[in-house]
Amino acid sequence: MATRRAVVALLGACTLGLLAGCSADDGGADSAGSSAAAVVAPAADCQSPQVLDALGLTPAPGTAATTPSSATPHPDAPSEGTVPRTFVAVSALACTPGGQLTDSAGTWSSVQATSRDGDMTALKSALELPSRESTDTATCDDVPLQLWLVDALGRAVRVQVPTDACGVGPRAEVGKALAGLTTTDTATYPVGLLVPSSSPSP
């Protein structure tokens, strides 16, 4: 009889848990946790069309934006996702808007690519956090981030970055983890010609 009562009590608790929407995976509304694992690409690329679009660097309709004459097409980037369990990252490539560049052709938008090496443990843990809920009073980093993790063979995954309460920049934990890595290279690339030069190029 005692065993039967225990079973009934357990079933009742499970039923209540289901009605309340509880589960073992309900540790907060984690949008990143519901994403599929990222597809492994041959290399990381801050100039791929999808990365530039996510950073808001796609030329606006009606502007004079053109790509540099020396530019070669960049391959498409896979969708953002979680870090695959079997993927061992040894470095990260952070892609952010690089501000404006000026040369003889005019003023360009740009993307900045920053490579960082070191222990990826803190960064991977930060990437597993959910995005923060938006609030009207939040003070946030308004700089968007597209992030690749790279393995020892140069292969890369484009990972989903949890955002801060403004929904634009990364969570502070992501920024802190990136800052804790060693910067090995920084490069800025022109993206689109925003304002042509008023004087003809020589």
N, C-alpha and C. Protein backbone atom coordinates (compact mmCIF):
# COMPACT_ATOMS: atom_id res chain seq x y z
N MET A 1 0.83 -1.22 0.00
CA MET A 1 0.00 0.00 0.00
C MET A 1 0.86 1.25 0.00
N ALA A 2 1.95 1.23 0.83
CA ALA A 2 2.84 2.39 0.89
C ALA A 2 3.48 2.65 -0.46
N THR A 3 3.85 1.56 -1.16
CA THR A 3 4.47 1.71 -2.48
C THR A 3 3.48 2.33 -3.46
N ARG A 4 2.21 1.87 -3.41
CA ARG A 4 1.20 2.40 -4.31
C ARG A 4 0.98 3.88 -4.06
N ARG A 5 0.95 4.29 -2.78
CA ARG A 5 0.76 5.70 -2.47
C ARG A 5 1.92 6.54 -2.99
N ALA A 6 3.12 5.99 -2.89
CA ALA A 6 4.29 6.72 -3.37
C ALA A 6 4.22 6.95 -4.87
N VAL A 7 3.75 5.90 -5.60
CA VAL A 7 3.63 6.01 -7.06
C VAL A 7 2.59 7.05 -7.42
N VAL A 8 1.44 7.02 -6.70
CA VAL A 8 0.38 7.99 -6.98
C VAL A 8 0.87 9.41 -6.71
N ALA A 9 1.61 9.58 -5.62
CA ALA A 9 2.12 10.91 -5.29
C ALA A 9 3.10 11.41 -6.35
N LEU A 10 3.94 10.48 -6.84
CA LEU A 10 4.92 10.84 -7.87
C LEU A 10 4.23 11.24 -9.16
N LEU A 11 3.21 10.47 -9.55
CA LEU A 11 2.47 10.80 -10.77
C LEU A 11 1.77 12.15 -10.63
N GLY A 12 1.24 12.42 -9.45
CA GLY A 12 0.57 13.69 -9.23
C GLY A 12 1.54 14.85 -9.34
N ALA A 13 2.74 14.68 -8.79
CA ALA A 13 3.74 15.74 -8.86
C ALA A 13 4.17 15.99 -10.29
N CYS A 14 4.31 14.90 -11.07
CA CYS A 14 4.70 15.06 -12.48
C CYS A 14 3.62 15.78 -13.26
N THR A 15 2.36 15.43 -12.97
CA THR A 15 1.25 16.07 -13.68
C THR A 15 1.22 17.56 -13.39
N LEU A 16 1.40 17.94 -12.11
CA LEU A 16 1.43 19.34 -11.76
C LEU A 16 2.59 20.05 -12.43
N GLY A 17 3.71 19.36 -12.51
CA GLY A 17 4.87 19.95 -13.16
C GLY A 17 4.62 20.23 -14.62
N LEU A 18 3.96 19.31 -15.30
CA LEU A 18 3.64 19.50 -16.71
C LEU A 18 2.67 20.65 -16.90
N LEU A 19 1.66 20.73 -16.01
CA LEU A 19 0.69 21.81 -16.13
C LEU A 19 1.33 23.16 -15.90
N ALA A 20 2.36 23.19 -15.07
CA ALA A 20 3.04 24.44 -14.78
C ALA A 20 4.07 24.79 -15.83
N GLY A 21 4.26 23.90 -16.81
CA GLY A 21 5.21 24.16 -17.86
C GLY A 21 6.64 23.90 -17.45
N CYS A 22 6.87 23.07 -16.45
CA CYS A 22 8.21 22.80 -15.96
C CYS A 22 8.81 21.62 -16.68
N SER A 23 10.12 21.64 -16.79
CA SER A 23 10.83 20.51 -17.36
C SER A 23 12.27 20.62 -16.93
N ALA A 24 13.05 19.57 -17.22
CA ALA A 24 14.46 19.55 -16.83
C ALA A 24 15.25 20.57 -17.62
N ASP A 25 14.71 21.01 -18.78
CA ASP A 25 15.42 21.94 -19.63
C ASP A 25 14.93 23.38 -19.46
N ASP A 26 14.16 23.64 -18.41
CA ASP A 26 13.51 24.93 -18.27
C ASP A 26 14.30 25.89 -17.39
N GLY A 27 15.59 25.88 -17.50
CA GLY A 27 16.42 26.73 -16.67
C GLY A 27 16.46 28.15 -17.18
N GLY A 28 15.33 28.76 -17.46
CA GLY A 28 15.28 30.12 -17.99
C GLY A 28 15.01 30.09 -19.47
N ALA A 29 14.46 31.19 -19.98
CA ALA A 29 14.13 31.26 -21.41
C ALA A 29 15.40 31.50 -22.19
N ASP A 30 16.06 30.42 -22.56
CA ASP A 30 17.35 30.51 -23.23
C ASP A 30 17.15 30.36 -24.73
N SER A 31 17.14 31.48 -25.45
CA SER A 31 16.93 31.42 -26.89
C SER A 31 18.09 30.71 -27.58
N ALA A 32 19.30 30.87 -27.04
CA ALA A 32 20.45 30.23 -27.65
C ALA A 32 20.36 28.71 -27.51
N GLY A 33 19.78 28.24 -26.38
CA GLY A 33 19.72 26.81 -26.15
C GLY A 33 18.78 26.10 -27.11
N SER A 34 17.83 26.84 -27.71
CA SER A 34 16.89 26.23 -28.63
C SER A 34 17.41 26.21 -30.07
N SER A 35 18.58 26.79 -30.30
CA SER A 35 19.12 26.84 -31.65
C SER A 35 19.80 25.53 -32.01
N ALA A 36 19.89 25.29 -33.30
CA ALA A 36 20.61 24.11 -33.78
C ALA A 36 22.10 24.37 -33.69
N ALA A 37 22.86 23.30 -33.70
CA ALA A 37 24.31 23.43 -33.67
C ALA A 37 24.79 24.10 -34.96
N ALA A 38 25.79 24.95 -34.82
CA ALA A 38 26.32 25.66 -35.98
C ALA A 38 27.00 24.69 -36.94
N VAL A 39 26.91 25.00 -38.23
CA VAL A 39 27.56 24.19 -39.25
C VAL A 39 29.03 24.60 -39.34
N VAL A 40 29.90 23.63 -39.44
CA VAL A 40 31.34 23.91 -39.53
C VAL A 40 31.68 24.38 -40.94
N ALA A 41 32.27 25.57 -41.04
CA ALA A 41 32.67 26.15 -42.33
C ALA A 41 34.17 25.97 -42.52
N PRO A 42 34.64 26.05 -43.77
CA PRO A 42 36.08 25.88 -44.02
C PRO A 42 36.94 26.93 -43.34
N ALA A 43 36.40 28.14 -43.13
CA ALA A 43 37.18 29.21 -42.52
C ALA A 43 36.23 30.29 -42.00
N ALA A 44 36.72 31.11 -41.08
CA ALA A 44 35.96 32.25 -40.58
C ALA A 44 36.12 33.42 -41.53
N ASP A 45 35.06 34.22 -41.68
CA ASP A 45 35.11 35.32 -42.64
C ASP A 45 34.19 36.45 -42.18
N CYS A 46 34.79 37.60 -41.85
CA CYS A 46 34.00 38.75 -41.43
C CYS A 46 33.38 39.48 -42.61
N GLN A 47 33.77 39.11 -43.83
CA GLN A 47 33.26 39.82 -45.01
C GLN A 47 32.22 39.02 -45.78
N SER A 48 31.74 37.94 -45.22
CA SER A 48 30.69 37.18 -45.89
C SER A 48 29.40 38.01 -45.90
N PRO A 49 28.56 37.86 -46.91
CA PRO A 49 27.34 38.67 -47.01
C PRO A 49 26.45 38.58 -45.78
N GLN A 50 26.31 37.38 -45.21
CA GLN A 50 25.41 37.22 -44.06
C GLN A 50 25.95 37.92 -42.82
N VAL A 51 27.26 37.91 -42.63
CA VAL A 51 27.86 38.59 -41.49
C VAL A 51 27.70 40.10 -41.63
N LEU A 52 27.98 40.62 -42.81
CA LEU A 52 27.83 42.06 -43.04
C LEU A 52 26.39 42.51 -42.85
N ASP A 53 25.45 41.70 -43.32
CA ASP A 53 24.04 42.04 -43.17
C ASP A 53 23.65 42.07 -41.70
N ALA A 54 24.13 41.09 -40.92
CA ALA A 54 23.81 41.04 -39.49
C ALA A 54 24.41 42.22 -38.74
N LEU A 55 25.51 42.77 -39.23
CA LEU A 55 26.15 43.92 -38.60
C LEU A 55 25.55 45.24 -39.08
N GLY A 56 24.58 45.17 -39.99
CA GLY A 56 23.97 46.39 -40.51
C GLY A 56 24.85 47.12 -41.50
N LEU A 57 25.75 46.39 -42.16
CA LEU A 57 26.67 47.01 -43.10
C LEU A 57 26.28 46.79 -44.55
N THR A 58 25.10 46.24 -44.77
CA THR A 58 24.61 46.12 -46.13
C THR A 58 24.21 47.50 -46.64
N PRO A 59 24.67 47.92 -47.81
CA PRO A 59 24.34 49.27 -48.30
C PRO A 59 22.84 49.51 -48.35
N ALA A 60 22.43 50.68 -47.92
CA ALA A 60 21.02 51.03 -47.93
C ALA A 60 20.55 51.29 -49.36
N PRO A 61 19.30 50.98 -49.68
CA PRO A 61 18.79 51.25 -51.03
C PRO A 61 18.90 52.72 -51.38
N GLY A 62 19.32 53.00 -52.60
CA GLY A 62 19.40 54.38 -53.06
C GLY A 62 20.71 55.07 -52.75
N THR A 63 21.63 54.40 -52.01
CA THR A 63 22.91 55.03 -51.73
C THR A 63 23.86 54.76 -52.89
N ALA A 64 25.00 55.42 -52.85
CA ALA A 64 25.98 55.25 -53.91
C ALA A 64 26.94 54.11 -53.61
N ALA A 65 26.56 53.27 -52.63
CA ALA A 65 27.49 52.25 -52.16
C ALA A 65 27.89 51.27 -53.25
N THR A 66 29.17 51.06 -53.38
CA THR A 66 29.72 50.04 -54.26
C THR A 66 30.83 49.34 -53.51
N THR A 67 31.24 48.20 -53.99
CA THR A 67 32.32 47.48 -53.33
C THR A 67 33.65 47.90 -53.94
N PRO A 68 34.75 47.73 -53.20
CA PRO A 68 36.05 48.09 -53.76
C PRO A 68 36.32 47.34 -55.06
N SER A 69 36.98 48.00 -55.99
CA SER A 69 37.24 47.39 -57.30
C SER A 69 38.12 46.15 -57.19
N SER A 70 38.91 46.09 -56.10
CA SER A 70 39.81 44.95 -55.92
C SER A 70 39.16 43.80 -55.16
N ALA A 71 37.90 44.01 -54.74
CA ALA A 71 37.25 43.00 -53.90
C ALA A 71 36.89 41.75 -54.70
N THR A 72 37.03 40.62 -54.06
CA THR A 72 36.59 39.35 -54.63
C THR A 72 35.38 38.86 -53.83
N PRO A 73 34.46 38.16 -54.46
CA PRO A 73 33.28 37.69 -53.73
C PRO A 73 33.67 36.79 -52.56
N HIS A 74 32.96 36.95 -51.46
CA HIS A 74 33.21 36.12 -50.29
C HIS A 74 32.10 35.07 -50.18
N PRO A 75 32.45 33.86 -49.76
CA PRO A 75 31.43 32.80 -49.69
C PRO A 75 30.38 33.10 -48.64
N ASP A 76 29.21 32.51 -48.83
CA ASP A 76 28.13 32.65 -47.86
C ASP A 76 28.55 32.02 -46.53
N ALA A 77 28.07 32.61 -45.45
CA ALA A 77 28.31 32.06 -44.12
C ALA A 77 27.10 31.25 -43.68
N PRO A 78 27.33 30.14 -42.99
CA PRO A 78 26.19 29.37 -42.48
C PRO A 78 25.46 30.16 -41.40
N SER A 79 24.26 29.72 -41.07
CA SER A 79 23.48 30.38 -40.03
C SER A 79 24.17 30.27 -38.68
N GLU A 80 23.86 31.23 -37.80
CA GLU A 80 24.40 31.16 -36.45
C GLU A 80 23.79 29.99 -35.70
N GLY A 81 24.56 29.43 -34.77
CA GLY A 81 24.07 28.30 -33.99
C GLY A 81 24.90 28.10 -32.75
N THR A 82 24.59 27.06 -32.02
CA THR A 82 25.36 26.75 -30.83
C THR A 82 26.65 26.03 -31.22
N VAL A 83 27.61 26.02 -30.31
CA VAL A 83 28.89 25.36 -30.58
C VAL A 83 28.70 23.85 -30.59
N PRO A 84 29.04 23.16 -31.68
CA PRO A 84 28.89 21.70 -31.70
C PRO A 84 29.73 21.06 -30.60
N ARG A 85 29.23 20.00 -30.02
CA ARG A 85 29.92 19.37 -28.89
C ARG A 85 31.29 18.85 -29.26
N THR A 86 31.46 18.43 -30.50
CA THR A 86 32.73 17.85 -30.91
C THR A 86 33.71 18.90 -31.45
N PHE A 87 33.30 20.18 -31.47
CA PHE A 87 34.15 21.22 -32.02
C PHE A 87 35.05 21.78 -30.93
N VAL A 88 36.35 21.75 -31.15
CA VAL A 88 37.32 22.22 -30.16
C VAL A 88 37.91 23.54 -30.65
N ALA A 89 37.46 24.63 -30.08
CA ALA A 89 37.91 25.96 -30.50
C ALA A 89 39.24 26.31 -29.84
N VAL A 90 40.12 26.92 -30.61
CA VAL A 90 41.40 27.39 -30.08
C VAL A 90 41.55 28.91 -30.22
N SER A 91 40.65 29.53 -31.00
CA SER A 91 40.69 30.98 -31.17
C SER A 91 39.31 31.48 -31.56
N ALA A 92 39.17 32.79 -31.57
CA ALA A 92 37.90 33.43 -31.93
C ALA A 92 38.17 34.56 -32.90
N LEU A 93 37.22 34.79 -33.80
CA LEU A 93 37.29 35.94 -34.71
C LEU A 93 36.04 36.78 -34.47
N ALA A 94 36.25 37.99 -33.95
CA ALA A 94 35.15 38.89 -33.66
C ALA A 94 34.99 39.89 -34.80
N CYS A 95 33.77 40.00 -35.32
CA CYS A 95 33.47 40.91 -36.43
C CYS A 95 32.56 42.02 -35.92
N THR A 96 32.99 43.26 -36.09
CA THR A 96 32.23 44.42 -35.63
C THR A 96 32.29 45.53 -36.68
N PRO A 97 31.34 46.46 -36.65
CA PRO A 97 31.45 47.61 -37.56
C PRO A 97 32.75 48.37 -37.30
N GLY A 98 33.42 48.75 -38.37
CA GLY A 98 34.73 49.38 -38.22
C GLY A 98 34.71 50.89 -38.39
N GLY A 99 33.53 51.49 -38.48
CA GLY A 99 33.47 52.92 -38.68
C GLY A 99 33.66 53.28 -40.15
N GLN A 100 34.05 54.51 -40.42
CA GLN A 100 34.21 54.98 -41.80
C GLN A 100 35.68 55.11 -42.17
N LEU A 101 35.98 54.73 -43.41
CA LEU A 101 37.32 54.87 -43.97
C LEU A 101 37.25 55.86 -45.13
N THR A 102 38.29 56.63 -45.30
CA THR A 102 38.33 57.61 -46.39
C THR A 102 39.59 57.40 -47.22
N ASP A 103 39.40 57.34 -48.53
CA ASP A 103 40.53 57.28 -49.45
C ASP A 103 40.21 58.15 -50.67
N SER A 104 40.96 57.99 -51.73
CA SER A 104 40.77 58.84 -52.91
C SER A 104 39.42 58.63 -53.56
N ALA A 105 38.81 57.47 -53.33
CA ALA A 105 37.50 57.19 -53.94
C ALA A 105 36.35 57.81 -53.16
N GLY A 106 36.57 58.08 -51.86
CA GLY A 106 35.51 58.65 -51.05
C GLY A 106 35.48 58.04 -49.65
N THR A 107 34.30 58.03 -49.06
CA THR A 107 34.12 57.52 -47.71
C THR A 107 33.42 56.17 -47.75
N TRP A 108 34.02 55.22 -47.05
CA TRP A 108 33.53 53.84 -47.06
C TRP A 108 33.02 53.43 -45.67
N SER A 109 32.04 52.55 -45.65
CA SER A 109 31.74 51.81 -44.42
C SER A 109 32.77 50.69 -44.33
N SER A 110 32.94 50.14 -43.13
CA SER A 110 33.98 49.12 -42.99
C SER A 110 33.60 48.10 -41.93
N VAL A 111 34.28 46.97 -41.95
CA VAL A 111 34.12 45.94 -40.94
C VAL A 111 35.48 45.68 -40.32
N GLN A 112 35.50 45.49 -39.01
CA GLN A 112 36.74 45.20 -38.31
C GLN A 112 36.75 43.74 -37.89
N ALA A 113 37.85 43.06 -38.16
CA ALA A 113 38.02 41.65 -37.81
C ALA A 113 39.14 41.55 -36.78
N THR A 114 38.81 41.01 -35.60
CA THR A 114 39.79 40.90 -34.52
C THR A 114 39.93 39.44 -34.12
N SER A 115 41.15 38.93 -34.25
CA SER A 115 41.43 37.54 -33.88
C SER A 115 41.95 37.50 -32.45
N ARG A 116 41.45 36.55 -31.68
CA ARG A 116 41.86 36.41 -30.28
C ARG A 116 42.14 34.93 -29.97
N ASP A 117 43.24 34.70 -29.26
CA ASP A 117 43.64 33.35 -28.86
C ASP A 117 43.61 33.23 -27.35
N GLY A 118 43.58 31.96 -26.89
CA GLY A 118 43.65 31.71 -25.45
C GLY A 118 42.68 30.62 -25.03
N ASP A 119 42.49 30.51 -23.75
CA ASP A 119 41.58 29.52 -23.18
C ASP A 119 40.14 29.94 -23.50
N MET A 120 39.43 29.10 -24.22
CA MET A 120 38.07 29.42 -24.67
C MET A 120 36.99 29.06 -23.65
N THR A 121 37.38 28.54 -22.47
CA THR A 121 36.39 28.04 -21.51
C THR A 121 35.39 29.10 -21.10
N ALA A 122 35.88 30.28 -20.70
CA ALA A 122 34.98 31.34 -20.24
C ALA A 122 34.09 31.83 -21.37
N LEU A 123 34.63 31.93 -22.57
CA LEU A 123 33.84 32.40 -23.71
C LEU A 123 32.74 31.40 -24.05
N LYS A 124 33.07 30.13 -24.07
CA LYS A 124 32.06 29.12 -24.40
C LYS A 124 30.95 29.11 -23.34
N SER A 125 31.31 29.31 -22.08
CA SER A 125 30.30 29.36 -21.02
C SER A 125 29.40 30.59 -21.20
N ALA A 126 30.00 31.72 -21.56
CA ALA A 126 29.21 32.94 -21.77
C ALA A 126 28.26 32.79 -22.94
N LEU A 127 28.68 32.07 -23.97
CA LEU A 127 27.83 31.87 -25.14
C LEU A 127 26.63 30.98 -24.85
N GLU A 128 26.69 30.23 -23.77
CA GLU A 128 25.57 29.35 -23.41
C GLU A 128 24.50 30.09 -22.62
N LEU A 129 24.77 31.33 -22.23
CA LEU A 129 23.78 32.11 -21.49
C LEU A 129 22.65 32.55 -22.41
N PRO A 130 21.47 32.79 -21.86
CA PRO A 130 20.36 33.32 -22.68
C PRO A 130 20.54 34.80 -22.93
N SER A 131 19.89 35.31 -23.94
CA SER A 131 19.85 36.75 -24.14
C SER A 131 19.03 37.38 -23.02
N ARG A 132 19.43 38.58 -22.61
CA ARG A 132 18.70 39.25 -21.55
C ARG A 132 17.38 39.82 -22.07
N GLU A 133 16.37 39.86 -21.21
CA GLU A 133 15.09 40.44 -21.59
C GLU A 133 15.25 41.94 -21.74
N SER A 134 14.58 42.50 -22.74
CA SER A 134 14.71 43.92 -23.02
C SER A 134 14.00 44.75 -21.95
N THR A 135 14.61 45.89 -21.63
CA THR A 135 14.02 46.83 -20.69
C THR A 135 14.19 48.25 -21.23
N ASP A 136 13.31 49.15 -20.81
CA ASP A 136 13.36 50.52 -21.29
C ASP A 136 14.46 51.33 -20.61
N THR A 137 14.96 50.84 -19.47
CA THR A 137 15.93 51.61 -18.70
C THR A 137 17.34 51.04 -18.82
N ALA A 138 17.54 50.08 -19.69
CA ALA A 138 18.84 49.42 -19.78
C ALA A 138 19.88 50.34 -20.40
N THR A 139 21.11 50.24 -19.90
CA THR A 139 22.26 50.92 -20.49
C THR A 139 23.12 49.85 -21.13
N CYS A 140 23.26 49.91 -22.43
CA CYS A 140 23.85 48.78 -23.14
C CYS A 140 24.95 49.19 -24.11
N ASP A 141 25.64 48.19 -24.59
CA ASP A 141 26.61 48.35 -25.67
C ASP A 141 25.85 48.24 -26.98
N ASP A 142 25.86 49.31 -27.77
CA ASP A 142 25.09 49.32 -29.01
C ASP A 142 25.87 48.80 -30.20
N VAL A 143 27.05 48.23 -29.96
CA VAL A 143 27.87 47.73 -31.06
C VAL A 143 27.55 46.25 -31.29
N PRO A 144 27.00 45.90 -32.45
CA PRO A 144 26.68 44.49 -32.72
C PRO A 144 27.94 43.67 -32.89
N LEU A 145 27.83 42.39 -32.65
CA LEU A 145 28.96 41.48 -32.75
C LEU A 145 28.56 40.22 -33.50
N GLN A 146 29.37 39.86 -34.47
CA GLN A 146 29.27 38.56 -35.10
C GLN A 146 30.54 37.80 -34.72
N LEU A 147 30.37 36.55 -34.29
CA LEU A 147 31.49 35.83 -33.71
C LEU A 147 31.67 34.46 -34.34
N TRP A 148 32.92 34.18 -34.67
CA TRP A 148 33.32 32.85 -35.15
C TRP A 148 34.25 32.22 -34.13
N LEU A 149 34.11 30.93 -33.91
CA LEU A 149 35.11 30.16 -33.17
C LEU A 149 35.87 29.31 -34.17
N VAL A 150 37.17 29.20 -33.98
CA VAL A 150 38.04 28.55 -34.95
C VAL A 150 38.81 27.41 -34.28
N ASP A 151 38.94 26.28 -34.98
CA ASP A 151 39.70 25.16 -34.41
C ASP A 151 41.13 25.16 -34.93
N ALA A 152 41.90 24.17 -34.53
CA ALA A 152 43.33 24.13 -34.87
C ALA A 152 43.57 23.94 -36.36
N LEU A 153 42.57 23.47 -37.10
CA LEU A 153 42.71 23.27 -38.53
C LEU A 153 42.22 24.47 -39.34
N GLY A 154 41.78 25.51 -38.65
CA GLY A 154 41.29 26.70 -39.33
C GLY A 154 39.82 26.66 -39.66
N ARG A 155 39.16 25.54 -39.37
CA ARG A 155 37.71 25.45 -39.59
C ARG A 155 37.00 26.31 -38.56
N ALA A 156 35.79 26.78 -38.90
CA ALA A 156 35.13 27.74 -38.02
C ALA A 156 33.64 27.50 -37.93
N VAL A 157 33.07 27.93 -36.81
CA VAL A 157 31.61 27.91 -36.63
C VAL A 157 31.16 29.32 -36.29
N ARG A 158 30.09 29.76 -36.92
CA ARG A 158 29.51 31.07 -36.65
C ARG A 158 28.49 30.88 -35.54
N VAL A 159 28.80 31.40 -34.36
CA VAL A 159 28.01 31.09 -33.18
C VAL A 159 27.00 32.19 -32.87
N GLN A 160 25.90 31.78 -32.27
CA GLN A 160 24.88 32.73 -31.84
C GLN A 160 25.36 33.40 -30.57
N VAL A 161 25.32 34.73 -30.54
CA VAL A 161 25.81 35.50 -29.39
C VAL A 161 24.62 36.01 -28.58
N PRO A 162 24.55 35.68 -27.29
CA PRO A 162 23.45 36.22 -26.47
C PRO A 162 23.59 37.73 -26.33
N THR A 163 22.48 38.43 -26.50
CA THR A 163 22.51 39.89 -26.50
C THR A 163 22.17 40.47 -25.13
N ASP A 164 22.50 41.74 -24.97
CA ASP A 164 22.18 42.46 -23.74
C ASP A 164 20.72 42.89 -23.75
N ALA A 165 20.33 43.67 -22.75
CA ALA A 165 18.92 44.04 -22.60
C ALA A 165 18.42 44.97 -23.70
N CYS A 166 19.32 45.54 -24.49
CA CYS A 166 18.89 46.38 -25.61
C CYS A 166 18.75 45.58 -26.90
N GLY A 167 19.21 44.33 -26.87
CA GLY A 167 19.05 43.46 -28.03
C GLY A 167 19.97 43.74 -29.18
N VAL A 168 21.04 44.52 -28.96
CA VAL A 168 21.96 44.86 -30.05
C VAL A 168 23.34 44.28 -29.79
N GLY A 169 23.98 44.73 -28.73
CA GLY A 169 25.32 44.26 -28.39
C GLY A 169 25.29 42.95 -27.62
N PRO A 170 26.46 42.33 -27.43
CA PRO A 170 26.52 41.08 -26.69
C PRO A 170 26.34 41.29 -25.19
N ARG A 171 25.98 40.24 -24.48
CA ARG A 171 25.93 40.29 -23.02
C ARG A 171 27.31 40.65 -22.49
N ALA A 172 27.34 41.28 -21.32
CA ALA A 172 28.60 41.71 -20.72
C ALA A 172 29.55 40.54 -20.50
N GLU A 173 28.99 39.36 -20.20
CA GLU A 173 29.84 38.21 -19.95
C GLU A 173 30.62 37.80 -21.20
N VAL A 174 30.00 37.98 -22.37
CA VAL A 174 30.68 37.66 -23.62
C VAL A 174 31.82 38.64 -23.86
N GLY A 175 31.53 39.93 -23.67
CA GLY A 175 32.56 40.94 -23.83
C GLY A 175 33.73 40.73 -22.88
N LYS A 176 33.43 40.38 -21.64
CA LYS A 176 34.48 40.16 -20.65
C LYS A 176 35.34 38.95 -21.03
N ALA A 177 34.68 37.89 -21.50
CA ALA A 177 35.43 36.69 -21.90
C ALA A 177 36.33 36.98 -23.09
N LEU A 178 35.83 37.76 -24.05
CA LEU A 178 36.66 38.12 -25.20
C LEU A 178 37.84 39.00 -24.78
N ALA A 179 37.59 39.92 -23.85
CA ALA A 179 38.66 40.80 -23.37
C ALA A 179 39.75 40.01 -22.64
N GLY A 180 39.38 38.87 -22.09
CA GLY A 180 40.36 38.05 -21.38
C GLY A 180 41.26 37.24 -22.30
N LEU A 181 40.97 37.24 -23.61
CA LEU A 181 41.81 36.54 -24.57
C LEU A 181 42.88 37.48 -25.11
N THR A 182 43.85 36.91 -25.77
CA THR A 182 44.96 37.69 -26.33
C THR A 182 44.66 38.06 -27.77
N THR A 183 44.70 39.35 -28.07
CA THR A 183 44.48 39.82 -29.44
C THR A 183 45.73 39.52 -30.27
N THR A 184 45.56 38.78 -31.34
CA THR A 184 46.69 38.41 -32.19
C THR A 184 46.71 39.15 -33.52
N ASP A 185 45.55 39.68 -33.93
CA ASP A 185 45.52 40.41 -35.20
C ASP A 185 44.24 41.23 -35.28
N THR A 186 44.34 42.42 -35.84
CA THR A 186 43.18 43.27 -36.08
C THR A 186 43.31 43.86 -37.48
N ALA A 187 42.25 43.74 -38.26
CA ALA A 187 42.25 44.29 -39.62
C ALA A 187 40.91 44.95 -39.89
N THR A 188 40.93 46.02 -40.68
CA THR A 188 39.71 46.73 -41.06
C THR A 188 39.59 46.72 -42.58
N TYR A 189 38.40 46.32 -43.07
CA TYR A 189 38.19 46.16 -44.50
C TYR A 189 37.06 47.07 -44.97
N PRO A 190 37.23 47.76 -46.10
CA PRO A 190 36.13 48.56 -46.66
C PRO A 190 34.99 47.66 -47.12
N VAL A 191 33.77 48.13 -46.93
CA VAL A 191 32.60 47.35 -47.31
C VAL A 191 31.87 47.99 -48.47
N GLY A 192 31.42 49.22 -48.29
CA GLY A 192 30.65 49.89 -49.33
C GLY A 192 30.99 51.36 -49.40
N LEU A 193 31.02 51.91 -50.60
CA LEU A 193 31.29 53.34 -50.79
C LEU A 193 30.03 54.13 -50.46
N LEU A 194 30.10 54.91 -49.40
CA LEU A 194 28.93 55.67 -48.94
C LEU A 194 28.85 57.03 -49.61
N VAL A 195 29.98 57.72 -49.68
CA VAL A 195 30.01 59.06 -50.26
C VAL A 195 31.19 59.13 -51.22
N PRO A 196 30.92 59.18 -52.52
CA PRO A 196 32.03 59.26 -53.48
C PRO A 196 32.81 60.57 -53.33
N SER A 197 34.08 60.51 -53.67
CA SER A 197 34.90 61.69 -53.61
C SER A 197 34.43 62.72 -54.64
N SER A 198 34.50 63.99 -54.27
CA SER A 198 34.06 65.02 -55.21
C SER A 198 35.07 65.28 -56.30
N SER A 199 36.31 64.85 -56.06
CA SER A 199 37.34 65.02 -57.08
C SER A 199 37.63 63.68 -57.74
N PRO A 200 37.85 63.64 -59.04
CA PRO A 200 38.09 62.37 -59.71
C PRO A 200 39.39 61.75 -59.26
N SER A 201 39.40 60.42 -59.23
CA SER A 201 40.61 59.69 -58.84
C SER A 201 41.66 59.85 -59.91
N PRO A 202 42.95 59.94 -59.54
CA PRO A 202 44.00 60.08 -60.55
C PRO A 202 44.11 58.85 -61.40
